[in-house]
């Protein structure tokens, strides 16, 4: 199985940390933020469930730009063969 070696950037890491601390952030945004942070500086990659969540966020008009940025980052770190 092919492995994606991309890691979360500093900018997205900061956005993810701010999202997790924001009491107004949605549960979806916080899940994406946690996933992005878990991929910061390690060899982890996005799981199938988070890929699905991220894809749905990107396809929807109901999420904030920050949430979509997190979704794009998480999706870019998914397994290449899925």
C-alpha atoms as a PDB file:
ATOM      1  CA  UNK A   1       0.000   0.000   0.000  1.00  0.00           C
ATOM      2  CA  UNK A   2       1.310   3.433  -0.929  1.00  0.00           C
ATOM      3  CA  UNK A   3       2.027   5.820   1.920  1.00  0.00           C
ATOM      4  CA  UNK A   4       1.419   9.561   1.808  1.00  0.00           C
ATOM      5  CA  UNK A   5       4.313  11.373   3.490  1.00  0.00           C
ATOM      6  CA  UNK A   6       2.769  14.857   3.543  1.00  0.00           C
ATOM      7  CA  UNK A   7       2.593  16.616   6.910  1.00  0.00           C
ATOM      8  CA  UNK A   8       0.465  19.442   8.256  1.00  0.00           C
ATOM      9  CA  UNK A   9       2.001  22.871   7.634  1.00  0.00           C
ATOM     10  CA  UNK A  10       2.706  25.378  10.389  1.00  0.00           C
ATOM     11  CA  UNK A  11      -0.143  27.611   9.191  1.00  0.00           C
ATOM     12  CA  UNK A  12      -2.693  24.788   9.206  1.00  0.00           C
ATOM     13  CA  UNK A  13      -1.331  23.583  12.544  1.00  0.00           C
ATOM     14  CA  UNK A  14      -1.988  27.027  14.018  1.00  0.00           C
ATOM     15  CA  UNK A  15      -5.495  27.100  12.527  1.00  0.00           C
ATOM     16  CA  UNK A  16      -6.163  23.629  13.943  1.00  0.00           C
ATOM     17  CA  UNK A  17      -4.981  24.646  17.426  1.00  0.00           C
ATOM     18  CA  UNK A  18      -7.162  27.770  17.344  1.00  0.00           C
ATOM     19  CA  UNK A  19     -10.151  25.703  16.184  1.00  0.00           C
ATOM     20  CA  UNK A  20      -9.771  23.239  19.040  1.00  0.00           C
ATOM     21  CA  UNK A  21      -9.740  26.109  21.546  1.00  0.00           C
ATOM     22  CA  UNK A  22     -12.738  27.867  19.990  1.00  0.00           C
ATOM     23  CA  UNK A  23     -15.914  27.082  21.941  1.00  0.00           C
ATOM     24  CA  UNK A  24     -17.981  28.149  18.919  1.00  0.00           C
ATOM     25  CA  UNK A  25     -16.303  25.712  16.502  1.00  0.00           C
ATOM     26  CA  UNK A  26     -18.430  22.826  15.271  1.00  0.00           C
ATOM     27  CA  UNK A  27     -17.697  19.228  16.211  1.00  0.00           C
ATOM     28  CA  UNK A  28     -16.814  18.533  12.569  1.00  0.00           C
ATOM     29  CA  UNK A  29     -14.288  21.399  12.563  1.00  0.00           C
ATOM     30  CA  UNK A  30     -12.770  20.134  15.807  1.00  0.00           C
ATOM     31  CA  UNK A  31     -12.499  16.590  14.440  1.00  0.00           C
ATOM     32  CA  UNK A  32     -10.737  17.854  11.325  1.00  0.00           C
ATOM     33  CA  UNK A  33      -8.459  20.031  13.467  1.00  0.00           C
ATOM     34  CA  UNK A  34      -7.526  17.076  15.668  1.00  0.00           C
ATOM     35  CA  UNK A  35      -6.795  14.961  12.618  1.00  0.00           C
ATOM     36  CA  UNK A  36      -4.615  17.685  11.097  1.00  0.00           C
ATOM     37  CA  UNK A  37      -2.670  18.136  14.334  1.00  0.00           C
ATOM     38  CA  UNK A  38      -2.119  14.406  14.712  1.00  0.00           C
ATOM     39  CA  UNK A  39      -0.369  14.472  11.329  1.00  0.00           C
ATOM     40  CA  UNK A  40       1.971  17.288  12.301  1.00  0.00           C
ATOM     41  CA  UNK A  41       5.567  16.085  12.374  1.00  0.00           C
ATOM     42  CA  UNK A  42       4.796  12.382  12.206  1.00  0.00           C
ATOM     43  CA  UNK A  43       4.156   9.640   9.688  1.00  0.00           C
ATOM     44  CA  UNK A  44       0.419   9.318  10.303  1.00  0.00           C
ATOM     45  CA  UNK A  45      -2.019   9.662   7.448  1.00  0.00           C
ATOM     46  CA  UNK A  46      -5.734  10.306   7.211  1.00  0.00           C
ATOM     47  CA  UNK A  47      -8.025   7.349   7.834  1.00  0.00           C
ATOM     48  CA  UNK A  48     -10.940   6.395   5.604  1.00  0.00           C
ATOM     49  CA  UNK A  49     -13.565   7.839   7.979  1.00  0.00           C
ATOM     50  CA  UNK A  50     -11.876  11.251   8.145  1.00  0.00           C
ATOM     51  CA  UNK A  51     -11.376  11.195   4.361  1.00  0.00           C
ATOM     52  CA  UNK A  52     -15.146  10.847   4.014  1.00  0.00           C
ATOM     53  CA  UNK A  53     -15.828  13.670   6.498  1.00  0.00           C
ATOM     54  CA  UNK A  54     -13.321  15.958   4.766  1.00  0.00           C
ATOM     55  CA  UNK A  55     -14.752  15.216   1.324  1.00  0.00           C
ATOM     56  CA  UNK A  56     -18.291  15.977   2.528  1.00  0.00           C
ATOM     57  CA  UNK A  57     -17.151  19.290   4.062  1.00  0.00           C
ATOM     58  CA  UNK A  58     -15.477  20.349   0.827  1.00  0.00           C
ATOM     59  CA  UNK A  59     -18.573  19.448  -1.193  1.00  0.00           C
ATOM     60  CA  UNK A  60     -20.901  21.419   1.084  1.00  0.00           C
ATOM     61  CA  UNK A  61     -21.740  25.122   1.158  1.00  0.00           C
ATOM     62  CA  UNK A  62     -22.558  24.975   4.889  1.00  0.00           C
ATOM     63  CA  UNK A  63     -19.042  25.143   6.366  1.00  0.00           C
ATOM     64  CA  UNK A  64     -16.770  28.089   7.118  1.00  0.00           C
ATOM     65  CA  UNK A  65     -13.613  28.715   5.100  1.00  0.00           C
ATOM     66  CA  UNK A  66     -11.415  27.652   8.016  1.00  0.00           C
ATOM     67  CA  UNK A  67     -13.201  24.323   8.269  1.00  0.00           C
ATOM     68  CA  UNK A  68     -12.768  23.813   4.528  1.00  0.00           C
ATOM     69  CA  UNK A  69      -9.053  24.595   4.825  1.00  0.00           C
ATOM     70  CA  UNK A  70      -8.700  21.948   7.516  1.00  0.00           C
ATOM     71  CA  UNK A  71     -10.670  19.492   5.379  1.00  0.00           C
ATOM     72  CA  UNK A  72      -8.431  20.124   2.369  1.00  0.00           C
ATOM     73  CA  UNK A  73      -5.312  19.604   4.462  1.00  0.00           C
ATOM     74  CA  UNK A  74      -6.628  16.381   5.983  1.00  0.00           C
ATOM     75  CA  UNK A  75      -7.711  15.081   2.585  1.00  0.00           C
ATOM     76  CA  UNK A  76      -4.333  15.886   1.013  1.00  0.00           C
ATOM     77  CA  UNK A  77      -2.717  13.628   3.616  1.00  0.00           C
ATOM     78  CA  UNK A  78      -4.902  10.641   2.816  1.00  0.00           C
ATOM     79  CA  UNK A  79      -3.691   7.310   1.514  1.00  0.00           C
ATOM     80  CA  UNK A  80      -2.948   7.736  -2.187  1.00  0.00           C
ATOM     81  CA  UNK A  81      -4.569   4.461  -3.193  1.00  0.00           C
ATOM     82  CA  UNK A  82      -7.932   5.034  -1.516  1.00  0.00           C
END
